[in-house]
PDB file of N, CA and C in Angstrom:
ATOM      1  N   MET A   1       0.780  -1.236  -0.044  1.00  0.00           N
ATOM      2  CA  MET A   1       0.249  -0.095   0.101  1.00  0.00           C
ATOM      3  C   MET A   1       0.665   0.962  -0.225  1.00  0.00           C
ATOM      4  N   PRO A   2       0.885   1.948  -0.681  1.00  0.00           N
ATOM      5  CA  PRO A   2       1.634   3.377  -0.548  1.00  0.00           C
ATOM      6  C   PRO A   2       1.348   4.373   0.128  1.00  0.00           C
ATOM      7  N   ARG A   3       2.304   5.138   0.902  1.00  0.00           N
ATOM      8  CA  ARG A   3       2.407   6.292   2.018  1.00  0.00           C
ATOM      9  C   ARG A   3       1.476   7.210   1.172  1.00  0.00           C
ATOM     10  N   PRO A   4       0.485   8.049   2.507  1.00  0.00           N
ATOM     11  CA  PRO A   4      -0.175   9.027   1.576  1.00  0.00           C
ATOM     12  C   PRO A   4       1.043  10.148   1.615  1.00  0.00           C
ATOM     13  N   LYS A   5       0.262  10.827   0.689  1.00  0.00           N
ATOM     14  CA  LYS A   5       0.767  12.493   0.316  1.00  0.00           C
ATOM     15  C   LYS A   5       1.265  12.896   1.473  1.00  0.00           C
ATOM     16  N   SER A   6       2.541  13.804   1.423  1.00  0.00           N
ATOM     17  CA  SER A   6       2.899  14.827   2.848  1.00  0.00           C
ATOM     18  C   SER A   6       2.271  15.985   2.613  1.00  0.00           C
ATOM     19  N   GLU A   7       2.111  16.746   3.606  1.00  0.00           N
ATOM     20  CA  GLU A   7       1.518  18.175   3.322  1.00  0.00           C
ATOM     21  C   GLU A   7       3.095  18.779   2.974  1.00  0.00           C
ATOM     22  N   LEU A   8       4.463  18.463   2.927  1.00  0.00           N
ATOM     23  CA  LEU A   8       5.511  18.940   2.751  1.00  0.00           C
ATOM     24  C   LEU A   8       5.558  19.069   1.255  1.00  0.00           C
ATOM     25  N   THR A   9       5.362  17.719   0.536  1.00  0.00           N
ATOM     26  CA  THR A   9       5.956  17.386  -0.285  1.00  0.00           C
ATOM     27  C   THR A   9       4.863  17.399  -1.527  1.00  0.00           C
ATOM     28  N   GLN A  10       3.687  16.921  -0.872  1.00  0.00           N
ATOM     29  CA  GLN A  10       2.596  16.590  -1.587  1.00  0.00           C
ATOM     30  C   GLN A  10       2.627  15.742  -2.708  1.00  0.00           C
ATOM     31  N   SER A  11       3.709  14.843  -2.384  1.00  0.00           N
ATOM     32  CA  SER A  11       3.404  13.484  -3.237  1.00  0.00           C
ATOM     33  C   SER A  11       4.225  12.512  -2.905  1.00  0.00           C
ATOM     34  N   GLY A  12       3.787  10.919  -2.897  1.00  0.00           N
ATOM     35  CA  GLY A  12       4.285   9.960  -2.085  1.00  0.00           C
ATOM     36  C   GLY A  12       5.606   9.632  -2.584  1.00  0.00           C
ATOM     37  N   ARG A  13       6.616  10.050  -3.181  1.00  0.00           N
ATOM     38  CA  ARG A  13       7.682   9.927  -3.429  1.00  0.00           C
ATOM     39  C   ARG A  13       8.816   9.641  -2.709  1.00  0.00           C
ATOM     40  N   ALA A  14       9.313   8.583  -2.491  1.00  0.00           N
ATOM     41  CA  ALA A  14      10.947   8.420  -1.586  1.00  0.00           C
ATOM     42  C   ALA A  14      12.154   8.173  -1.935  1.00  0.00           C
ATOM     43  N   ILE A  15      13.227   8.511  -1.437  1.00  0.00           N
ATOM     44  CA  ILE A  15      14.411   8.222  -2.509  1.00  0.00           C
ATOM     45  C   ILE A  15      15.114   6.995  -1.262  1.00  0.00           C
ATOM     46  N   GLY A  16      15.620   6.261  -1.961  1.00  0.00           N
ATOM     47  CA  GLY A  16      16.017   5.272  -1.264  1.00  0.00           C
ATOM     48  C   GLY A  16      17.315   4.837  -1.949  1.00  0.00           C
ATOM     49  N   ILE A  17      18.426   4.144  -1.053  1.00  0.00           N
ATOM     50  CA  ILE A  17      19.930   4.204  -1.585  1.00  0.00           C
ATOM     51  C   ILE A  17      20.112   2.686  -0.431  1.00  0.00           C
ATOM     52  N   ARG A  18      21.163   2.069  -0.817  1.00  0.00           N
ATOM     53  CA  ARG A  18      21.720   1.024   0.116  1.00  0.00           C
ATOM     54  C   ARG A  18      22.927   1.361   0.739  1.00  0.00           C
ATOM     55  N   LEU A  19      22.870   0.972   1.963  1.00  0.00           N
ATOM     56  CA  LEU A  19      24.134   1.609   2.883  1.00  0.00           C
ATOM     57  C   LEU A  19      24.612   0.141   3.540  1.00  0.00           C
ATOM     58  N   THR A  20      25.769   0.338   3.878  1.00  0.00           N
ATOM     59  CA  THR A  20      26.577  -0.666   4.863  1.00  0.00           C
ATOM     60  C   THR A  20      25.809  -0.155   6.061  1.00  0.00           C
ATOM     61  N   GLU A  21      25.995  -1.199   7.298  1.00  0.00           N
ATOM     62  CA  GLU A  21      25.969  -0.920   8.532  1.00  0.00           C
ATOM     63  C   GLU A  21      26.410   0.381   8.963  1.00  0.00           C
ATOM     64  N   TRP A  22      27.686   0.608   8.696  1.00  0.00           N
ATOM     65  CA  TRP A  22      28.384   1.922   8.966  1.00  0.00           C
ATOM     66  C   TRP A  22      28.128   2.927   8.596  1.00  0.00           C
ATOM     67  N   GLU A  23      27.709   3.279   7.521  1.00  0.00           N
ATOM     68  CA  GLU A  23      26.789   4.226   6.658  1.00  0.00           C
ATOM     69  C   GLU A  23      25.671   4.320   7.373  1.00  0.00           C
ATOM     70  N   TYR A  24      24.693   3.786   7.769  1.00  0.00           N
ATOM     71  CA  TYR A  24      23.539   3.836   8.140  1.00  0.00           C
ATOM     72  C   TYR A  24      23.891   4.496   9.398  1.00  0.00           C
ATOM     73  N   GLN A  25      24.912   4.175  10.013  1.00  0.00           N
ATOM     74  CA  GLN A  25      24.628   4.816  11.615  1.00  0.00           C
ATOM     75  C   GLN A  25      25.106   5.957  11.590  1.00  0.00           C
ATOM     76  N   GLU A  26      26.402   6.254  10.613  1.00  0.00           N
ATOM     77  CA  GLU A  26      26.216   8.028  10.214  1.00  0.00           C
ATOM     78  C   GLU A  26      25.401   8.983  10.211  1.00  0.00           C
ATOM     79  N   TRP A  27      24.202   7.839   8.919  1.00  0.00           N
ATOM     80  CA  TRP A  27      23.171   8.534   8.504  1.00  0.00           C
ATOM     81  C   TRP A  27      22.306   9.118   9.694  1.00  0.00           C
ATOM     82  N   LYS A  28      22.344   7.714  10.794  1.00  0.00           N
ATOM     83  CA  LYS A  28      21.293   8.354  11.911  1.00  0.00           C
ATOM     84  C   LYS A  28      21.868   9.326  12.823  1.00  0.00           C
ATOM     85  N   LYS A  29      23.434   9.611  12.617  1.00  0.00           N
ATOM     86  CA  LYS A  29      24.449  10.643  13.973  1.00  0.00           C
ATOM     87  C   LYS A  29      23.811  12.207  13.445  1.00  0.00           C
ATOM     88  N   ILE A  30      23.799  12.242  12.039  1.00  0.00           N
ATOM     89  CA  ILE A  30      23.846  13.251  10.996  1.00  0.00           C
ATOM     90  C   ILE A  30      21.974  14.069  11.036  1.00  0.00           C
ATOM     91  N   GLY A  31      21.074  13.039  11.353  1.00  0.00           N
ATOM     92  CA  GLY A  31      19.952  13.456  11.581  1.00  0.00           C
ATOM     93  C   GLY A  31      19.021  12.330  10.896  1.00  0.00           C
ATOM     94  N   GLY A  32      19.573  11.610   9.433  1.00  0.00           N
ATOM     95  CA  GLY A  32      18.881  10.980   9.047  1.00  0.00           C
ATOM     96  C   GLY A  32      17.904  12.068   7.980  1.00  0.00           C
ATOM     97  N   ALA A  33      16.856  11.625   7.885  1.00  0.00           N
ATOM     98  CA  ALA A  33      16.076  12.456   6.554  1.00  0.00           C
ATOM     99  C   ALA A  33      15.517  13.612   7.262  1.00  0.00           C
ATOM    100  N   LYS A  34      15.723  14.311   8.489  1.00  0.00           N
ATOM    101  CA  LYS A  34      15.427  15.344   9.036  1.00  0.00           C
ATOM    102  C   LYS A  34      16.441  16.131   8.552  1.00  0.00           C
ATOM    103  N   TRP A  35      17.834  15.758   8.299  1.00  0.00           N
ATOM    104  CA  TRP A  35      18.627  16.383   8.061  1.00  0.00           C
ATOM    105  C   TRP A  35      19.135  16.699   6.451  1.00  0.00           C
ATOM    106  N   LEU A  36      18.000  15.764   5.698  1.00  0.00           N
ATOM    107  CA  LEU A  36      18.654  15.734   4.138  1.00  0.00           C
ATOM    108  C   LEU A  36      17.077  16.823   4.124  1.00  0.00           C
ATOM    109  N   ARG A  37      16.200  17.039   4.302  1.00  0.00           N
ATOM    110  CA  ARG A  37      15.478  17.662   4.356  1.00  0.00           C
ATOM    111  C   ARG A  37      15.656  19.248   4.546  1.00  0.00           C
ATOM    112  N   GLY A  38      16.422  19.570   5.412  1.00  0.00           N
ATOM    113  CA  GLY A  38      17.093  20.620   6.022  1.00  0.00           C
ATOM    114  C   GLY A  38      18.260  21.087   5.342  1.00  0.00           C
ATOM    115  N   VAL A  39      18.946  19.982   4.792  1.00  0.00           N
ATOM    116  CA  VAL A  39      19.814  20.514   3.656  1.00  0.00           C
ATOM    117  C   VAL A  39      19.156  20.769   2.068  1.00  0.00           C
ATOM    118  N   LEU A  40      18.156  20.521   1.567  1.00  0.00           N
ATOM    119  CA  LEU A  40      17.293  20.502   0.194  1.00  0.00           C
ATOM    120  C   LEU A  40      16.777  22.117   0.586  1.00  0.00           C
ATOM    121  N   LYS A  41      15.938  21.742   1.594  1.00  0.00           N
ATOM    122  CA  LYS A  41      15.710  23.406   1.702  1.00  0.00           C
ATOM    123  C   LYS A  41      16.278  24.446   1.952  1.00  0.00           C
ATOM    124  N   ASN A  42      17.267  24.296   2.272  1.00  0.00           N
ATOM    125  CA  ASN A  42      18.500  25.496   2.236  1.00  0.00           C
ATOM    126  C   ASN A  42      18.837  25.738   1.070  1.00  0.00           C
ATOM    127  N   GLN A  43      19.396  24.561  -0.216  1.00  0.00           N
ATOM    128  CA  GLN A  43      19.145  24.601  -1.842  1.00  0.00           C
ATOM    129  C   GLN A  43      18.421  25.007  -2.220  1.00  0.00           C
ATOM    130  N   ARG A  44      17.130  25.132  -2.144  1.00  0.00           N
ATOM    131  CA  ARG A  44      15.981  25.537  -2.786  1.00  0.00           C
ATOM    132  C   ARG A  44      16.101  27.201  -2.432  1.00  0.00           C
ATOM    133  N   MET A  45      15.835  27.657  -0.996  1.00  0.00           N
ATOM    134  CA  MET A  45      15.874  28.617  -0.676  1.00  0.00           C
ATOM    135  C   MET A  45      17.004  29.711  -1.471  1.00  0.00           C
ATOM    136  N   ALA A  46      18.651  29.186  -1.430  1.00  0.00           N
ATOM    137  CA  ALA A  46      19.512  29.899  -2.036  1.00  0.00           C
ATOM    138  C   ALA A  46      19.219  30.151  -3.269  1.00  0.00           C
ATOM    139  N   MET A  47      18.634  28.907  -4.297  1.00  0.00           N
ATOM    140  CA  MET A  47      18.407  29.051  -5.456  1.00  0.00           C
ATOM    141  C   MET A  47      17.579  29.945  -5.786  1.00  0.00           C
ATOM    142  N   ILE A  48      16.593  29.866  -5.249  1.00  0.00           N
ATOM    143  CA  ILE A  48      15.017  30.965  -5.172  1.00  0.00           C
ATOM    144  C   ILE A  48      15.626  32.557  -4.639  1.00  0.00           C
ATOM    145  N   ASN A  49      16.700  32.623  -3.935  1.00  0.00           N
ATOM    146  CA  ASN A  49      17.378  34.159  -3.902  1.00  0.00           C
ATOM    147  C   ASN A  49      18.303  34.496  -5.268  1.00  0.00           C
ATOM    148  N   ILE A  50      18.603  33.747  -5.382  1.00  0.00           N
ATOM    149  CA  ILE A  50      19.767  33.876  -6.688  1.00  0.00           C
ATOM    150  C   ILE A  50      18.684  34.386  -8.042  1.00  0.00           C
ATOM    151  N   TYR A  51      17.664  33.814  -8.304  1.00  0.00           N
ATOM    152  CA  TYR A  51      16.933  33.546  -8.989  1.00  0.00           C
ATOM    153  C   TYR A  51      16.134  35.312  -8.994  1.00  0.00           C
ATOM    154  N   LYS A  52      15.761  35.442  -7.561  1.00  0.00           N
ATOM    155  CA  LYS A  52      15.403  37.050  -7.482  1.00  0.00           C
ATOM    156  C   LYS A  52      16.298  38.067  -7.819  1.00  0.00           C
ATOM    157  N   GLU A  53      17.720  37.537  -7.318  1.00  0.00           N
ATOM    158  CA  GLU A  53      18.575  38.737  -7.759  1.00  0.00           C
ATOM    159  C   GLU A  53      18.454  39.040  -9.333  1.00  0.00           C
ATOM    160  N   ASP A  54      18.550  37.952  -9.664  1.00  0.00           N
ATOM    161  CA  ASP A  54      18.811  38.061 -11.386  1.00  0.00           C
ATOM    162  C   ASP A  54      17.785  38.955 -11.426  1.00  0.00           C
ATOM    163  N   GLN A  55      16.376  38.469 -10.857  1.00  0.00           N
ATOM    164  CA  GLN A  55      15.555  39.823 -11.555  1.00  0.00           C
ATOM    165  C   GLN A  55      15.208  41.190 -11.139  1.00  0.00           C
ATOM    166  N   ASP A  56      15.910  41.143 -10.412  1.00  0.00           N
ATOM    167  CA  ASP A  56      16.140  42.703  -9.916  1.00  0.00           C
ATOM    168  C   ASP A  56      17.290  43.366 -10.518  1.00  0.00           C
ATOM    169  N   ALA A  57      18.200  42.329 -11.333  1.00  0.00           N
ATOM    170  CA  ALA A  57      19.515  43.260 -11.885  1.00  0.00           C
ATOM    171  C   ALA A  57      19.062  43.207 -13.590  1.00  0.00           C
ATOM    172  N   VAL A  58      17.937  42.460 -13.949  1.00  0.00           N
ATOM    173  CA  VAL A  58      17.383  42.059 -15.348  1.00  0.00           C
ATOM    174  C   VAL A  58      16.525  43.900 -15.137  1.00  0.00           C
ATOM    175  N   ARG A  59      15.381  44.276 -13.844  1.00  0.00           N
ATOM    176  CA  ARG A  59      14.552  44.872 -14.096  1.00  0.00           C
ATOM    177  C   ARG A  59      15.046  46.991 -14.188  1.00  0.00           C
ATOM    178  N   LYS A  60      16.544  46.117 -12.780  1.00  0.00           N
ATOM    179  CA  LYS A  60      17.304  47.526 -13.048  1.00  0.00           C
ATOM    180  C   LYS A  60      17.983  47.719 -14.332  1.00  0.00           C
ATOM    181  N   GLN A  61      18.616  47.162 -15.266  1.00  0.00           N
ATOM    182  CA  GLN A  61      18.351  47.554 -16.865  1.00  0.00           C
ATOM    183  C   GLN A  61      17.853  48.037 -17.159  1.00  0.00           C
ATOM    184  N   THR A  62      16.724  46.863 -17.236  1.00  0.00           N
ATOM    185  CA  THR A  62      15.339  47.672 -17.943  1.00  0.00           C
ATOM    186  C   THR A  62      15.294  49.187 -17.828  1.00  0.00           C
ATOM    187  N   GLN A  63      15.109  49.166 -16.371  1.00  0.00           N
ATOM    188  CA  GLN A  63      14.966  50.855 -15.997  1.00  0.00           C
ATOM    189  C   GLN A  63      15.594  51.883 -16.604  1.00  0.00           C
ATOM    190  N   THR A  64      17.282  51.649 -16.623  1.00  0.00           N
ATOM    191  CA  THR A  64      18.181  52.542 -16.998  1.00  0.00           C
ATOM    192  C   THR A  64      18.067  52.819 -18.467  1.00  0.00           C
ATOM    193  N   ILE A  65      18.108  51.245 -19.694  1.00  0.00           N
ATOM    194  CA  ILE A  65      17.623  51.783 -20.874  1.00  0.00           C
ATOM    195  C   ILE A  65      16.223  52.827 -21.163  1.00  0.00           C
ATOM    196  N   GLN A  66      15.140  52.304 -20.153  1.00  0.00           N
ATOM    197  CA  GLN A  66      13.987  53.142 -20.591  1.00  0.00           C
ATOM    198  C   GLN A  66      14.227  54.403 -20.030  1.00  0.00           C
ATOM    199  N   GLU A  67      15.013  54.980 -19.423  1.00  0.00           N
ATOM    200  CA  GLU A  67      15.817  56.255 -18.896  1.00  0.00           C
ATOM    201  C   GLU A  67      16.070  57.025 -20.053  1.00  0.00           C
ATOM    202  N   ARG A  68      17.112  55.963 -20.483  1.00  0.00           N
ATOM    203  CA  ARG A  68      17.714  57.033 -21.790  1.00  0.00           C
ATOM    204  C   ARG A  68      16.928  56.770 -22.997  1.00  0.00           C
ATOM    205  N   ILE A  69      16.278  56.340 -23.238  1.00  0.00           N
ATOM    206  CA  ILE A  69      15.209  56.474 -24.413  1.00  0.00           C
ATOM    207  C   ILE A  69      14.628  57.631 -24.121  1.00  0.00           C
TER     208      ILE A  69
END
């Protein structure tokens, strides 16, 4: 039976890999899925901020060009 959709991801998707016992213990030490969610959220927010900065730069360039016209 598939897992219900999460309110966070809104999909039933899962990530899976094979780990040795040592790798699994390390995974648990760093926080497991909770740690991974945090890392992915931070990367997503960084990409959003880069996108917003790019949009702002384009907007400023457009304004400068319009002022020259």
